[in-house]
Amino acid sequence: MSVIVFDAYGTLFNVDALQSVAAQFVGERADEFQRVWRDKQLAYAWRSTLMNRYQDFDKLTQQAFLFTLRSMGVHNEQIACAKLIEAHDSLPVYDDVKTTLDALNATSHKLVVLSNGTFRALQKLASAENILFSFDYLLSSAPLRTYKPARAAYQLVIDTTHCEKTDVIFVSSNGWDISGAKAFGFHSIWCNRQNAVSDTLGPQPDNIITDLHELPSLLQS
């Protein structure tokens, strides 16, 4: 039996769905908005821990929205930010998520989510998309007051499931997350949804897939 661990944002939940809301305020620059906001969200997360000034992911997400709105000259930023936060709290899953989870739940694998997001946000998203009970555990790095790719975040999987590192298969669409999980000792599968270039820093993934539909057959091979 293996423990299959999924990242949440960008792997299970479609963060690109925010572009339709962003377009209401920045028009054709919605794609640019998405890139700037996501980069700033992650930068704030890592900066807050390095400065020993931890803030949870919900607060940092709001700050990243405000920064991006201001940098793009949006004047009604508070109204825009409120709508973006609402959308972030109701992200849909990707089309490949539910069928993949159904296939994996038919096996003996344990399924886990490990995210930088707060437990509140994870539970709300998973409940809304009817996948909450597809998982044995929803794990947030928030109680540790740190963020992936810190080793302590990945250790949370071991401490919770009481498995060995060699039993864990880690799946994420984020290259930095894959590098962190692989460096910790997990078997890492990169779901390269965006056909991105592999990171040059850090360990490389054990396997690469383009969507989650490929995961069940890969695990059987």
N, C-alpha and C. Protein backbone atom coordinates (compact mmCIF):
# COMPACT_ATOMS: atom_id res chain seq x y z
N MET A 1 0.84 -1.20 0.00
CA MET A 1 0.00 0.00 0.00
C MET A 1 0.87 1.25 0.00
N SER A 2 0.55 2.18 -0.87
CA SER A 2 1.26 3.45 -0.94
C SER A 2 0.37 4.57 -0.41
N VAL A 3 1.01 5.64 0.00
CA VAL A 3 0.31 6.86 0.36
C VAL A 3 0.50 7.84 -0.78
N ILE A 4 -0.57 8.21 -1.43
CA ILE A 4 -0.51 9.13 -2.56
C ILE A 4 -0.90 10.51 -2.06
N VAL A 5 0.02 11.44 -2.17
CA VAL A 5 -0.16 12.79 -1.63
C VAL A 5 -0.30 13.78 -2.78
N PHE A 6 -1.35 14.57 -2.74
CA PHE A 6 -1.61 15.58 -3.76
C PHE A 6 -1.41 16.98 -3.18
N ASP A 7 -0.76 17.82 -3.96
CA ASP A 7 -0.83 19.25 -3.72
C ASP A 7 -2.25 19.71 -4.07
N ALA A 8 -2.64 20.86 -3.57
CA ALA A 8 -4.01 21.35 -3.81
C ALA A 8 -4.09 22.35 -4.95
N TYR A 9 -3.52 23.55 -4.75
CA TYR A 9 -3.69 24.65 -5.70
C TYR A 9 -2.85 24.43 -6.96
N GLY A 10 -3.54 24.36 -8.09
CA GLY A 10 -2.86 24.14 -9.36
C GLY A 10 -2.74 22.67 -9.71
N THR A 11 -2.99 21.79 -8.75
CA THR A 11 -2.94 20.35 -8.98
C THR A 11 -4.35 19.77 -8.96
N LEU A 12 -5.08 20.01 -7.88
CA LEU A 12 -6.48 19.59 -7.79
C LEU A 12 -7.42 20.73 -8.17
N PHE A 13 -7.14 21.92 -7.64
CA PHE A 13 -8.04 23.07 -7.82
C PHE A 13 -7.46 24.03 -8.86
N ASN A 14 -8.31 24.44 -9.77
CA ASN A 14 -7.89 25.20 -10.95
C ASN A 14 -7.77 26.69 -10.64
N VAL A 15 -6.56 27.12 -10.34
CA VAL A 15 -6.34 28.54 -10.01
C VAL A 15 -6.53 29.43 -11.23
N ASP A 16 -6.44 28.87 -12.42
CA ASP A 16 -6.64 29.68 -13.63
C ASP A 16 -8.09 30.15 -13.77
N ALA A 17 -8.99 29.54 -13.00
CA ALA A 17 -10.39 29.97 -13.05
C ALA A 17 -10.56 31.40 -12.55
N LEU A 18 -9.55 31.93 -11.85
CA LEU A 18 -9.61 33.31 -11.37
C LEU A 18 -9.53 34.33 -12.50
N GLN A 19 -9.05 33.90 -13.65
CA GLN A 19 -8.85 34.86 -14.75
C GLN A 19 -10.15 35.50 -15.20
N SER A 20 -11.26 34.75 -15.14
CA SER A 20 -12.53 35.32 -15.58
C SER A 20 -12.98 36.45 -14.65
N VAL A 21 -12.65 36.34 -13.36
CA VAL A 21 -12.97 37.41 -12.42
C VAL A 21 -12.01 38.57 -12.61
N ALA A 22 -10.73 38.26 -12.76
CA ALA A 22 -9.74 39.32 -12.96
C ALA A 22 -10.05 40.13 -14.21
N ALA A 23 -10.59 39.47 -15.24
CA ALA A 23 -10.89 40.16 -16.50
C ALA A 23 -11.93 41.27 -16.32
N GLN A 24 -12.76 41.16 -15.29
CA GLN A 24 -13.74 42.21 -15.02
C GLN A 24 -13.07 43.53 -14.65
N PHE A 25 -11.83 43.45 -14.18
CA PHE A 25 -11.14 44.65 -13.69
C PHE A 25 -9.91 45.02 -14.52
N VAL A 26 -9.31 44.04 -15.20
CA VAL A 26 -8.09 44.35 -15.98
C VAL A 26 -8.23 43.97 -17.44
N GLY A 27 -9.42 43.51 -17.82
CA GLY A 27 -9.68 43.22 -19.23
C GLY A 27 -8.76 42.16 -19.81
N GLU A 28 -8.13 42.49 -20.94
CA GLU A 28 -7.30 41.52 -21.66
C GLU A 28 -5.99 41.20 -20.93
N ARG A 29 -5.73 41.88 -19.83
CA ARG A 29 -4.51 41.60 -19.06
C ARG A 29 -4.75 40.55 -17.98
N ALA A 30 -5.83 39.80 -18.07
CA ALA A 30 -6.17 38.81 -17.04
C ALA A 30 -5.10 37.73 -16.92
N ASP A 31 -4.54 37.32 -18.04
CA ASP A 31 -3.50 36.29 -17.99
C ASP A 31 -2.26 36.82 -17.26
N GLU A 32 -1.91 38.07 -17.56
CA GLU A 32 -0.79 38.71 -16.86
C GLU A 32 -1.10 38.83 -15.37
N PHE A 33 -2.32 39.22 -15.05
CA PHE A 33 -2.74 39.34 -13.66
C PHE A 33 -2.53 38.02 -12.94
N GLN A 34 -2.95 36.94 -13.57
CA GLN A 34 -2.84 35.62 -12.96
C GLN A 34 -1.40 35.27 -12.63
N ARG A 35 -0.50 35.53 -13.57
CA ARG A 35 0.92 35.19 -13.37
C ARG A 35 1.53 36.04 -12.25
N VAL A 36 1.26 37.34 -12.27
CA VAL A 36 1.84 38.23 -11.26
C VAL A 36 1.31 37.87 -9.87
N TRP A 37 -0.02 37.68 -9.79
CA TRP A 37 -0.62 37.35 -8.48
C TRP A 37 -0.07 36.05 -7.92
N ARG A 38 0.01 35.01 -8.72
CA ARG A 38 0.47 33.70 -8.23
C ARG A 38 1.93 33.77 -7.79
N ASP A 39 2.76 34.46 -8.57
CA ASP A 39 4.17 34.61 -8.19
C ASP A 39 4.29 35.37 -6.87
N LYS A 40 3.50 36.42 -6.72
CA LYS A 40 3.56 37.23 -5.49
C LYS A 40 3.01 36.44 -4.29
N GLN A 41 1.97 35.67 -4.50
CA GLN A 41 1.42 34.85 -3.42
C GLN A 41 2.49 33.91 -2.85
N LEU A 42 3.21 33.24 -3.73
CA LEU A 42 4.25 32.31 -3.27
C LEU A 42 5.44 33.05 -2.68
N ALA A 43 5.80 34.16 -3.29
CA ALA A 43 6.92 34.95 -2.76
C ALA A 43 6.62 35.45 -1.35
N TYR A 44 5.39 35.90 -1.13
CA TYR A 44 4.99 36.35 0.21
C TYR A 44 5.04 35.19 1.21
N ALA A 45 4.63 34.01 0.79
CA ALA A 45 4.65 32.86 1.69
C ALA A 45 6.07 32.56 2.14
N TRP A 46 6.98 32.47 1.20
CA TRP A 46 8.35 32.13 1.55
C TRP A 46 9.03 33.27 2.31
N ARG A 47 8.74 34.51 1.92
CA ARG A 47 9.34 35.65 2.61
C ARG A 47 8.87 35.73 4.06
N SER A 48 7.60 35.45 4.29
CA SER A 48 7.06 35.56 5.65
C SER A 48 7.73 34.58 6.60
N THR A 49 8.08 33.40 6.10
CA THR A 49 8.75 32.43 6.97
C THR A 49 10.22 32.78 7.16
N LEU A 50 10.87 33.24 6.10
CA LEU A 50 12.29 33.60 6.21
C LEU A 50 12.49 34.79 7.15
N MET A 51 11.51 35.68 7.22
CA MET A 51 11.60 36.84 8.10
C MET A 51 11.07 36.55 9.50
N ASN A 52 10.63 35.28 9.73
CA ASN A 52 9.99 34.94 11.00
C ASN A 52 8.79 35.84 11.30
N ARG A 53 8.04 36.15 10.26
CA ARG A 53 6.81 36.94 10.39
C ARG A 53 5.68 36.20 9.68
N TYR A 54 5.44 34.98 10.12
CA TYR A 54 4.47 34.10 9.48
C TYR A 54 3.07 34.71 9.44
N GLN A 55 2.43 34.61 8.27
CA GLN A 55 1.01 34.88 8.11
C GLN A 55 0.41 33.71 7.34
N ASP A 56 -0.84 33.37 7.64
CA ASP A 56 -1.41 32.21 6.97
C ASP A 56 -1.71 32.52 5.50
N PHE A 57 -1.98 31.46 4.75
CA PHE A 57 -2.09 31.56 3.30
C PHE A 57 -3.28 32.41 2.87
N ASP A 58 -4.34 32.40 3.64
CA ASP A 58 -5.49 33.25 3.31
C ASP A 58 -5.11 34.73 3.32
N LYS A 59 -4.37 35.13 4.35
CA LYS A 59 -3.96 36.53 4.46
C LYS A 59 -2.98 36.90 3.35
N LEU A 60 -2.06 36.00 3.06
CA LEU A 60 -1.07 36.29 2.02
C LEU A 60 -1.71 36.34 0.64
N THR A 61 -2.71 35.51 0.44
CA THR A 61 -3.44 35.54 -0.83
C THR A 61 -4.11 36.89 -1.03
N GLN A 62 -4.72 37.41 0.03
CA GLN A 62 -5.34 38.73 -0.05
C GLN A 62 -4.31 39.81 -0.34
N GLN A 63 -3.18 39.75 0.33
CA GLN A 63 -2.12 40.74 0.10
C GLN A 63 -1.60 40.66 -1.33
N ALA A 64 -1.48 39.47 -1.85
CA ALA A 64 -1.01 39.31 -3.23
C ALA A 64 -2.02 39.87 -4.22
N PHE A 65 -3.31 39.67 -3.95
CA PHE A 65 -4.34 40.27 -4.80
C PHE A 65 -4.24 41.79 -4.78
N LEU A 66 -4.10 42.37 -3.59
CA LEU A 66 -4.03 43.82 -3.47
C LEU A 66 -2.82 44.38 -4.21
N PHE A 67 -1.67 43.72 -4.05
CA PHE A 67 -0.46 44.16 -4.75
C PHE A 67 -0.68 44.15 -6.25
N THR A 68 -1.23 43.07 -6.75
CA THR A 68 -1.38 42.93 -8.21
C THR A 68 -2.38 43.93 -8.75
N LEU A 69 -3.47 44.15 -8.03
CA LEU A 69 -4.46 45.14 -8.46
C LEU A 69 -3.84 46.54 -8.51
N ARG A 70 -3.07 46.88 -7.49
CA ARG A 70 -2.43 48.20 -7.47
C ARG A 70 -1.39 48.34 -8.57
N SER A 71 -0.61 47.26 -8.79
CA SER A 71 0.44 47.33 -9.81
C SER A 71 -0.13 47.47 -11.21
N MET A 72 -1.40 47.05 -11.38
CA MET A 72 -2.04 47.15 -12.68
C MET A 72 -3.01 48.33 -12.75
N GLY A 73 -2.98 49.20 -11.73
CA GLY A 73 -3.72 50.45 -11.78
C GLY A 73 -5.21 50.33 -11.60
N VAL A 74 -5.67 49.31 -10.87
CA VAL A 74 -7.10 49.15 -10.62
C VAL A 74 -7.48 50.05 -9.45
N HIS A 75 -8.42 50.96 -9.65
CA HIS A 75 -8.74 51.96 -8.64
C HIS A 75 -9.70 51.42 -7.57
N ASN A 76 -10.68 50.64 -7.96
CA ASN A 76 -11.65 50.09 -6.99
C ASN A 76 -11.11 48.77 -6.43
N GLU A 77 -9.92 48.84 -5.85
CA GLU A 77 -9.19 47.63 -5.47
C GLU A 77 -9.89 46.82 -4.38
N GLN A 78 -10.57 47.47 -3.45
CA GLN A 78 -11.22 46.73 -2.36
C GLN A 78 -12.38 45.89 -2.89
N ILE A 79 -13.16 46.44 -3.79
CA ILE A 79 -14.26 45.69 -4.40
C ILE A 79 -13.70 44.53 -5.21
N ALA A 80 -12.67 44.83 -6.01
CA ALA A 80 -12.05 43.79 -6.84
C ALA A 80 -11.45 42.69 -5.97
N CYS A 81 -10.76 43.09 -4.92
CA CYS A 81 -10.12 42.11 -4.04
C CYS A 81 -11.15 41.20 -3.39
N ALA A 82 -12.27 41.76 -2.96
CA ALA A 82 -13.31 40.95 -2.33
C ALA A 82 -13.87 39.91 -3.29
N LYS A 83 -14.05 40.30 -4.55
CA LYS A 83 -14.57 39.35 -5.54
C LYS A 83 -13.54 38.26 -5.85
N LEU A 84 -12.27 38.62 -5.88
CA LEU A 84 -11.22 37.65 -6.15
C LEU A 84 -11.07 36.65 -5.00
N ILE A 85 -11.18 37.14 -3.78
CA ILE A 85 -11.11 36.25 -2.62
C ILE A 85 -12.28 35.28 -2.64
N GLU A 86 -13.45 35.78 -2.97
CA GLU A 86 -14.63 34.91 -3.06
C GLU A 86 -14.41 33.82 -4.11
N ALA A 87 -13.83 34.21 -5.24
CA ALA A 87 -13.55 33.23 -6.30
C ALA A 87 -12.49 32.24 -5.87
N HIS A 88 -11.48 32.73 -5.15
CA HIS A 88 -10.41 31.84 -4.67
C HIS A 88 -10.95 30.83 -3.67
N ASP A 89 -11.98 31.19 -2.96
CA ASP A 89 -12.61 30.30 -1.98
C ASP A 89 -13.57 29.30 -2.63
N SER A 90 -13.76 29.41 -3.93
CA SER A 90 -14.70 28.52 -4.62
C SER A 90 -14.11 28.01 -5.93
N LEU A 91 -12.81 27.77 -5.95
CA LEU A 91 -12.16 27.27 -7.16
C LEU A 91 -12.71 25.89 -7.54
N PRO A 92 -12.91 25.66 -8.82
CA PRO A 92 -13.34 24.33 -9.25
C PRO A 92 -12.15 23.38 -9.35
N VAL A 93 -12.43 22.09 -9.36
CA VAL A 93 -11.37 21.13 -9.63
C VAL A 93 -11.15 21.04 -11.13
N TYR A 94 -10.00 20.57 -11.53
CA TYR A 94 -9.74 20.29 -12.94
C TYR A 94 -10.62 19.12 -13.39
N ASP A 95 -10.83 19.03 -14.69
CA ASP A 95 -11.73 18.01 -15.23
C ASP A 95 -11.24 16.59 -14.95
N ASP A 96 -9.95 16.41 -14.72
CA ASP A 96 -9.41 15.06 -14.55
C ASP A 96 -9.40 14.60 -13.09
N VAL A 97 -9.81 15.45 -12.17
CA VAL A 97 -9.64 15.14 -10.75
C VAL A 97 -10.59 14.05 -10.26
N LYS A 98 -11.88 14.21 -10.48
CA LYS A 98 -12.85 13.29 -9.86
C LYS A 98 -12.72 11.87 -10.38
N THR A 99 -12.52 11.70 -11.68
CA THR A 99 -12.39 10.34 -12.22
C THR A 99 -11.10 9.69 -11.72
N THR A 100 -10.05 10.49 -11.59
CA THR A 100 -8.79 9.94 -11.07
C THR A 100 -8.93 9.52 -9.62
N LEU A 101 -9.57 10.35 -8.81
CA LEU A 101 -9.77 10.00 -7.40
C LEU A 101 -10.65 8.75 -7.27
N ASP A 102 -11.68 8.65 -8.11
CA ASP A 102 -12.54 7.46 -8.08
C ASP A 102 -11.73 6.20 -8.39
N ALA A 103 -10.85 6.29 -9.38
CA ALA A 103 -10.03 5.13 -9.75
C ALA A 103 -9.07 4.75 -8.63
N LEU A 104 -8.48 5.74 -8.00
CA LEU A 104 -7.52 5.47 -6.93
C LEU A 104 -8.21 4.97 -5.67
N ASN A 105 -9.42 5.44 -5.42
CA ASN A 105 -10.16 4.99 -4.25
C ASN A 105 -10.61 3.55 -4.38
N ALA A 106 -10.57 3.02 -5.58
CA ALA A 106 -10.90 1.60 -5.80
C ALA A 106 -9.71 0.70 -5.49
N THR A 107 -8.57 1.28 -5.14
CA THR A 107 -7.37 0.54 -4.78
C THR A 107 -7.16 0.60 -3.28
N SER A 108 -6.04 0.07 -2.82
CA SER A 108 -5.73 0.07 -1.38
C SER A 108 -4.91 1.28 -0.96
N HIS A 109 -4.66 2.21 -1.88
CA HIS A 109 -3.85 3.38 -1.55
C HIS A 109 -4.56 4.30 -0.57
N LYS A 110 -3.80 4.93 0.30
CA LYS A 110 -4.31 6.04 1.09
C LYS A 110 -4.13 7.32 0.29
N LEU A 111 -5.10 8.21 0.32
CA LEU A 111 -5.04 9.46 -0.42
C LEU A 111 -4.99 10.62 0.57
N VAL A 112 -4.06 11.55 0.31
CA VAL A 112 -3.81 12.65 1.23
C VAL A 112 -3.65 13.94 0.42
N VAL A 113 -4.11 15.04 0.97
CA VAL A 113 -3.79 16.37 0.43
C VAL A 113 -2.79 17.02 1.38
N LEU A 114 -1.72 17.58 0.82
CA LEU A 114 -0.77 18.38 1.60
C LEU A 114 -0.64 19.73 0.91
N SER A 115 -1.04 20.78 1.62
CA SER A 115 -1.12 22.09 0.99
C SER A 115 -0.59 23.17 1.91
N ASN A 116 -0.16 24.26 1.30
CA ASN A 116 0.16 25.48 2.05
C ASN A 116 -1.10 26.23 2.46
N GLY A 117 -2.22 25.89 1.86
CA GLY A 117 -3.47 26.54 2.18
C GLY A 117 -3.94 26.21 3.58
N THR A 118 -4.83 27.04 4.11
CA THR A 118 -5.36 26.79 5.44
C THR A 118 -6.35 25.62 5.39
N PHE A 119 -6.52 24.98 6.54
CA PHE A 119 -7.48 23.88 6.61
C PHE A 119 -8.88 24.36 6.28
N ARG A 120 -9.22 25.57 6.73
CA ARG A 120 -10.53 26.14 6.42
C ARG A 120 -10.77 26.17 4.93
N ALA A 121 -9.78 26.69 4.20
CA ALA A 121 -9.93 26.82 2.75
C ALA A 121 -9.99 25.46 2.07
N LEU A 122 -9.13 24.54 2.49
CA LEU A 122 -9.10 23.21 1.88
C LEU A 122 -10.41 22.47 2.09
N GLN A 123 -10.91 22.52 3.31
CA GLN A 123 -12.17 21.83 3.61
C GLN A 123 -13.32 22.44 2.82
N LYS A 124 -13.35 23.76 2.71
CA LYS A 124 -14.42 24.42 1.97
C LYS A 124 -14.38 24.05 0.49
N LEU A 125 -13.20 24.08 -0.10
CA LEU A 125 -13.06 23.74 -1.52
C LEU A 125 -13.42 22.28 -1.78
N ALA A 126 -12.89 21.39 -0.97
CA ALA A 126 -13.14 19.96 -1.18
C ALA A 126 -14.61 19.62 -0.97
N SER A 127 -15.23 20.25 0.01
CA SER A 127 -16.65 20.00 0.26
C SER A 127 -17.51 20.48 -0.90
N ALA A 128 -17.20 21.68 -1.40
CA ALA A 128 -17.99 22.26 -2.49
C ALA A 128 -17.91 21.42 -3.76
N GLU A 129 -16.76 20.77 -3.96
CA GLU A 129 -16.57 19.97 -5.17
C GLU A 129 -16.85 18.48 -4.94
N ASN A 130 -17.37 18.14 -3.74
CA ASN A 130 -17.75 16.76 -3.41
C ASN A 130 -16.58 15.78 -3.51
N ILE A 131 -15.40 16.21 -3.08
CA ILE A 131 -14.26 15.30 -3.04
C ILE A 131 -13.67 15.18 -1.63
N LEU A 132 -14.34 15.79 -0.65
CA LEU A 132 -13.80 15.78 0.70
C LEU A 132 -13.55 14.36 1.20
N PHE A 133 -14.51 13.47 0.96
CA PHE A 133 -14.40 12.11 1.48
C PHE A 133 -13.64 11.17 0.55
N SER A 134 -13.03 11.75 -0.49
CA SER A 134 -12.12 10.97 -1.32
C SER A 134 -10.76 10.81 -0.66
N PHE A 135 -10.50 11.60 0.37
CA PHE A 135 -9.18 11.63 1.00
C PHE A 135 -9.24 11.09 2.43
N ASP A 136 -8.15 10.44 2.80
CA ASP A 136 -8.00 9.99 4.19
C ASP A 136 -7.62 11.15 5.09
N TYR A 137 -6.84 12.08 4.55
CA TYR A 137 -6.41 13.23 5.35
C TYR A 137 -6.32 14.48 4.46
N LEU A 138 -6.73 15.62 5.02
CA LEU A 138 -6.42 16.93 4.46
C LEU A 138 -5.40 17.57 5.39
N LEU A 139 -4.19 17.81 4.90
CA LEU A 139 -3.12 18.33 5.73
C LEU A 139 -2.72 19.73 5.26
N SER A 140 -2.65 20.64 6.21
CA SER A 140 -2.20 22.00 5.96
C SER A 140 -0.90 22.25 6.71
N SER A 141 -0.01 22.98 6.09
CA SER A 141 1.25 23.35 6.76
C SER A 141 1.04 24.45 7.79
N ALA A 142 -0.17 25.02 7.85
CA ALA A 142 -0.42 26.18 8.72
C ALA A 142 -0.10 25.93 10.19
N PRO A 143 -0.48 24.79 10.79
CA PRO A 143 -0.15 24.59 12.21
C PRO A 143 1.35 24.61 12.50
N LEU A 144 2.15 24.33 11.49
CA LEU A 144 3.61 24.35 11.64
C LEU A 144 4.18 25.75 11.43
N ARG A 145 3.34 26.67 11.00
CA ARG A 145 3.76 28.05 10.72
C ARG A 145 4.94 28.08 9.73
N THR A 146 4.80 27.28 8.71
CA THR A 146 5.79 27.25 7.65
C THR A 146 5.09 26.90 6.34
N TYR A 147 5.84 26.86 5.27
CA TYR A 147 5.29 26.56 3.95
C TYR A 147 6.19 25.57 3.22
N LYS A 148 5.55 24.72 2.41
CA LYS A 148 6.36 23.95 1.46
C LYS A 148 7.14 24.94 0.60
N PRO A 149 8.39 24.62 0.26
CA PRO A 149 9.06 23.33 0.34
C PRO A 149 9.89 23.09 1.59
N ALA A 150 9.54 23.67 2.73
CA ALA A 150 10.24 23.38 3.97
C ALA A 150 10.09 21.89 4.30
N ARG A 151 11.14 21.27 4.79
CA ARG A 151 11.12 19.85 5.08
C ARG A 151 10.06 19.50 6.12
N ALA A 152 9.83 20.41 7.06
CA ALA A 152 8.85 20.16 8.11
C ALA A 152 7.46 19.93 7.53
N ALA A 153 7.14 20.59 6.42
CA ALA A 153 5.83 20.43 5.81
C ALA A 153 5.65 19.01 5.27
N TYR A 154 6.68 18.48 4.61
CA TYR A 154 6.59 17.12 4.08
C TYR A 154 6.62 16.09 5.21
N GLN A 155 7.32 16.40 6.29
CA GLN A 155 7.36 15.51 7.44
C GLN A 155 5.97 15.30 8.03
N LEU A 156 5.10 16.26 7.83
CA LEU A 156 3.74 16.16 8.34
C LEU A 156 3.03 14.92 7.80
N VAL A 157 3.33 14.54 6.57
CA VAL A 157 2.75 13.33 5.97
C VAL A 157 3.19 12.10 6.76
N ILE A 158 4.47 12.03 7.07
CA ILE A 158 5.01 10.88 7.80
C ILE A 158 4.42 10.82 9.21
N ASP A 159 4.37 11.94 9.86
CA ASP A 159 3.87 11.98 11.24
C ASP A 159 2.38 11.64 11.31
N THR A 160 1.64 11.96 10.26
CA THR A 160 0.19 11.72 10.27
C THR A 160 -0.17 10.30 9.86
N THR A 161 0.48 9.79 8.83
CA THR A 161 0.12 8.48 8.28
C THR A 161 0.95 7.35 8.86
N HIS A 162 2.05 7.70 9.55
CA HIS A 162 2.96 6.71 10.16
C HIS A 162 3.53 5.74 9.12
N CYS A 163 3.81 6.29 7.95
CA CYS A 163 4.41 5.50 6.89
C CYS A 163 5.89 5.85 6.76
N GLU A 164 6.58 5.15 5.88
CA GLU A 164 7.96 5.47 5.56
C GLU A 164 8.00 6.39 4.35
N LYS A 165 9.09 7.12 4.22
CA LYS A 165 9.23 8.00 3.06
C LYS A 165 9.09 7.23 1.75
N THR A 166 9.62 6.02 1.73
CA THR A 166 9.60 5.22 0.51
C THR A 166 8.20 4.75 0.14
N ASP A 167 7.22 4.91 1.07
CA ASP A 167 5.84 4.53 0.77
C ASP A 167 5.05 5.66 0.12
N VAL A 168 5.65 6.85 0.06
CA VAL A 168 4.90 8.04 -0.36
C VAL A 168 5.15 8.36 -1.83
N ILE A 169 4.05 8.58 -2.54
CA ILE A 169 4.09 9.07 -3.92
C ILE A 169 3.48 10.47 -3.90
N PHE A 170 4.28 11.45 -4.27
CA PHE A 170 3.87 12.85 -4.16
C PHE A 170 3.56 13.40 -5.55
N VAL A 171 2.39 14.01 -5.69
CA VAL A 171 1.92 14.51 -6.99
C VAL A 171 1.65 16.01 -6.88
N SER A 172 2.28 16.78 -7.75
CA SER A 172 2.06 18.23 -7.76
C SER A 172 2.27 18.77 -9.16
N SER A 173 1.59 19.86 -9.45
CA SER A 173 1.81 20.56 -10.73
C SER A 173 2.88 21.64 -10.60
N ASN A 174 3.33 21.89 -9.38
CA ASN A 174 4.31 22.95 -9.12
C ASN A 174 5.72 22.38 -9.05
N GLY A 175 6.59 22.87 -9.94
CA GLY A 175 7.95 22.34 -10.01
C GLY A 175 8.72 22.49 -8.72
N TRP A 176 8.56 23.64 -8.04
CA TRP A 176 9.28 23.85 -6.78
C TRP A 176 8.83 22.87 -5.71
N ASP A 177 7.55 22.49 -5.75
CA ASP A 177 6.99 21.54 -4.80
C ASP A 177 7.53 20.14 -5.05
N ILE A 178 7.64 19.79 -6.31
CA ILE A 178 8.20 18.50 -6.70
C ILE A 178 9.65 18.40 -6.24
N SER A 179 10.41 19.46 -6.46
CA SER A 179 11.81 19.46 -6.02
C SER A 179 11.91 19.29 -4.51
N GLY A 180 11.05 20.00 -3.78
CA GLY A 180 11.06 19.90 -2.33
C GLY A 180 10.70 18.52 -1.83
N ALA A 181 9.68 17.92 -2.43
CA ALA A 181 9.25 16.59 -2.02
C ALA A 181 10.30 15.55 -2.36
N LYS A 182 10.90 15.68 -3.52
CA LYS A 182 11.95 14.73 -3.93
C LYS A 182 13.18 14.86 -3.03
N ALA A 183 13.55 16.08 -2.69
CA ALA A 183 14.69 16.30 -1.80
C ALA A 183 14.43 15.71 -0.42
N PHE A 184 13.15 15.72 0.00
CA PHE A 184 12.79 15.15 1.29
C PHE A 184 12.87 13.63 1.29
N GLY A 185 12.68 13.03 0.10
CA GLY A 185 12.77 11.58 0.01
C GLY A 185 11.55 10.89 -0.54
N PHE A 186 10.57 11.66 -1.04
CA PHE A 186 9.37 11.08 -1.63
C PHE A 186 9.60 10.76 -3.11
N HIS A 187 8.90 9.73 -3.59
CA HIS A 187 8.80 9.51 -5.03
C HIS A 187 7.89 10.61 -5.59
N SER A 188 8.37 11.36 -6.55
CA SER A 188 7.67 12.57 -6.98
C SER A 188 7.23 12.47 -8.43
N ILE A 189 5.96 12.80 -8.64
CA ILE A 189 5.38 12.81 -9.98
C ILE A 189 4.91 14.22 -10.30
N TRP A 190 5.50 14.79 -11.32
CA TRP A 190 5.15 16.15 -11.72
C TRP A 190 4.01 16.11 -12.72
N CYS A 191 2.88 16.70 -12.36
CA CYS A 191 1.77 16.85 -13.30
C CYS A 191 1.97 18.17 -14.03
N ASN A 192 2.61 18.09 -15.16
CA ASN A 192 3.03 19.29 -15.89
C ASN A 192 1.89 19.77 -16.79
N ARG A 193 0.91 20.39 -16.16
CA ARG A 193 -0.29 20.83 -16.87
C ARG A 193 0.00 21.92 -17.91
N GLN A 194 1.03 22.73 -17.66
CA GLN A 194 1.29 23.90 -18.50
C GLN A 194 2.40 23.66 -19.52
N ASN A 195 2.86 22.42 -19.64
CA ASN A 195 3.98 22.11 -20.54
C ASN A 195 5.17 23.03 -20.25
N ALA A 196 5.47 23.17 -18.97
CA ALA A 196 6.54 24.06 -18.52
C ALA A 196 7.90 23.40 -18.62
N VAL A 197 8.93 24.23 -18.57
CA VAL A 197 10.30 23.73 -18.57
C VAL A 197 10.67 23.28 -17.16
N SER A 198 11.40 22.19 -17.05
CA SER A 198 11.80 21.67 -15.74
C SER A 198 12.75 22.65 -15.05
N ASP A 199 12.62 22.75 -13.74
CA ASP A 199 13.53 23.57 -12.96
C ASP A 199 14.95 23.05 -13.09
N THR A 200 15.90 23.97 -13.10
CA THR A 200 17.31 23.57 -13.14
C THR A 200 17.91 23.44 -11.74
N LEU A 201 17.21 23.96 -10.73
CA LEU A 201 17.67 23.86 -9.35
C LEU A 201 16.89 22.77 -8.63
N GLY A 202 17.61 21.89 -7.95
CA GLY A 202 16.94 20.87 -7.16
C GLY A 202 16.76 19.57 -7.91
N PRO A 203 16.34 18.53 -7.18
CA PRO A 203 16.15 17.21 -7.79
C PRO A 203 15.06 17.23 -8.85
N GLN A 204 15.21 16.36 -9.82
CA GLN A 204 14.23 16.22 -10.88
C GLN A 204 13.15 15.21 -10.49
N PRO A 205 11.96 15.32 -11.05
CA PRO A 205 10.89 14.38 -10.72
C PRO A 205 11.21 12.97 -11.17
N ASP A 206 10.62 12.00 -10.50
CA ASP A 206 10.77 10.61 -10.92
C ASP A 206 9.97 10.32 -12.18
N ASN A 207 8.81 10.96 -12.28
CA ASN A 207 7.95 10.78 -13.44
C ASN A 207 7.30 12.11 -13.79
N ILE A 208 6.92 12.25 -15.05
CA ILE A 208 6.21 13.44 -15.52
C ILE A 208 4.95 12.99 -16.25
N ILE A 209 3.82 13.58 -15.88
CA ILE A 209 2.56 13.35 -16.59
C ILE A 209 2.00 14.71 -17.00
N THR A 210 1.08 14.70 -17.96
CA THR A 210 0.52 15.97 -18.43
C THR A 210 -0.84 16.26 -17.80
N ASP A 211 -1.49 15.23 -17.27
CA ASP A 211 -2.72 15.43 -16.49
C ASP A 211 -2.91 14.23 -15.58
N LEU A 212 -3.86 14.33 -14.68
CA LEU A 212 -4.03 13.29 -13.67
C LEU A 212 -4.63 12.01 -14.22
N HIS A 213 -5.25 12.05 -15.39
CA HIS A 213 -5.79 10.83 -15.99
C HIS A 213 -4.69 9.78 -16.19
N GLU A 214 -3.46 10.22 -16.34
CA GLU A 214 -2.35 9.29 -16.57
C GLU A 214 -1.87 8.61 -15.29
N LEU A 215 -2.30 9.13 -14.14
CA LEU A 215 -1.75 8.65 -12.87
C LEU A 215 -2.10 7.21 -12.53
N PRO A 216 -3.36 6.78 -12.59
CA PRO A 216 -3.66 5.39 -12.20
C PRO A 216 -2.88 4.34 -12.98
N SER A 217 -2.77 4.51 -14.29
CA SER A 217 -2.04 3.52 -15.08
C SER A 217 -0.55 3.58 -14.78
N LEU A 218 -0.02 4.76 -14.50
CA LEU A 218 1.40 4.89 -14.14
C LEU A 218 1.69 4.13 -12.84
N LEU A 219 0.79 4.24 -11.89
CA LEU A 219 0.99 3.57 -10.61
C LEU A 219 0.90 2.05 -10.72
N GLN A 220 0.21 1.57 -11.75
CA GLN A 220 0.09 0.14 -11.95
C GLN A 220 1.26 -0.45 -12.72
N SER A 221 2.04 0.42 -13.36
CA SER A 221 3.14 -0.07 -14.21
C SER A 221 4.35 -0.50 -13.38
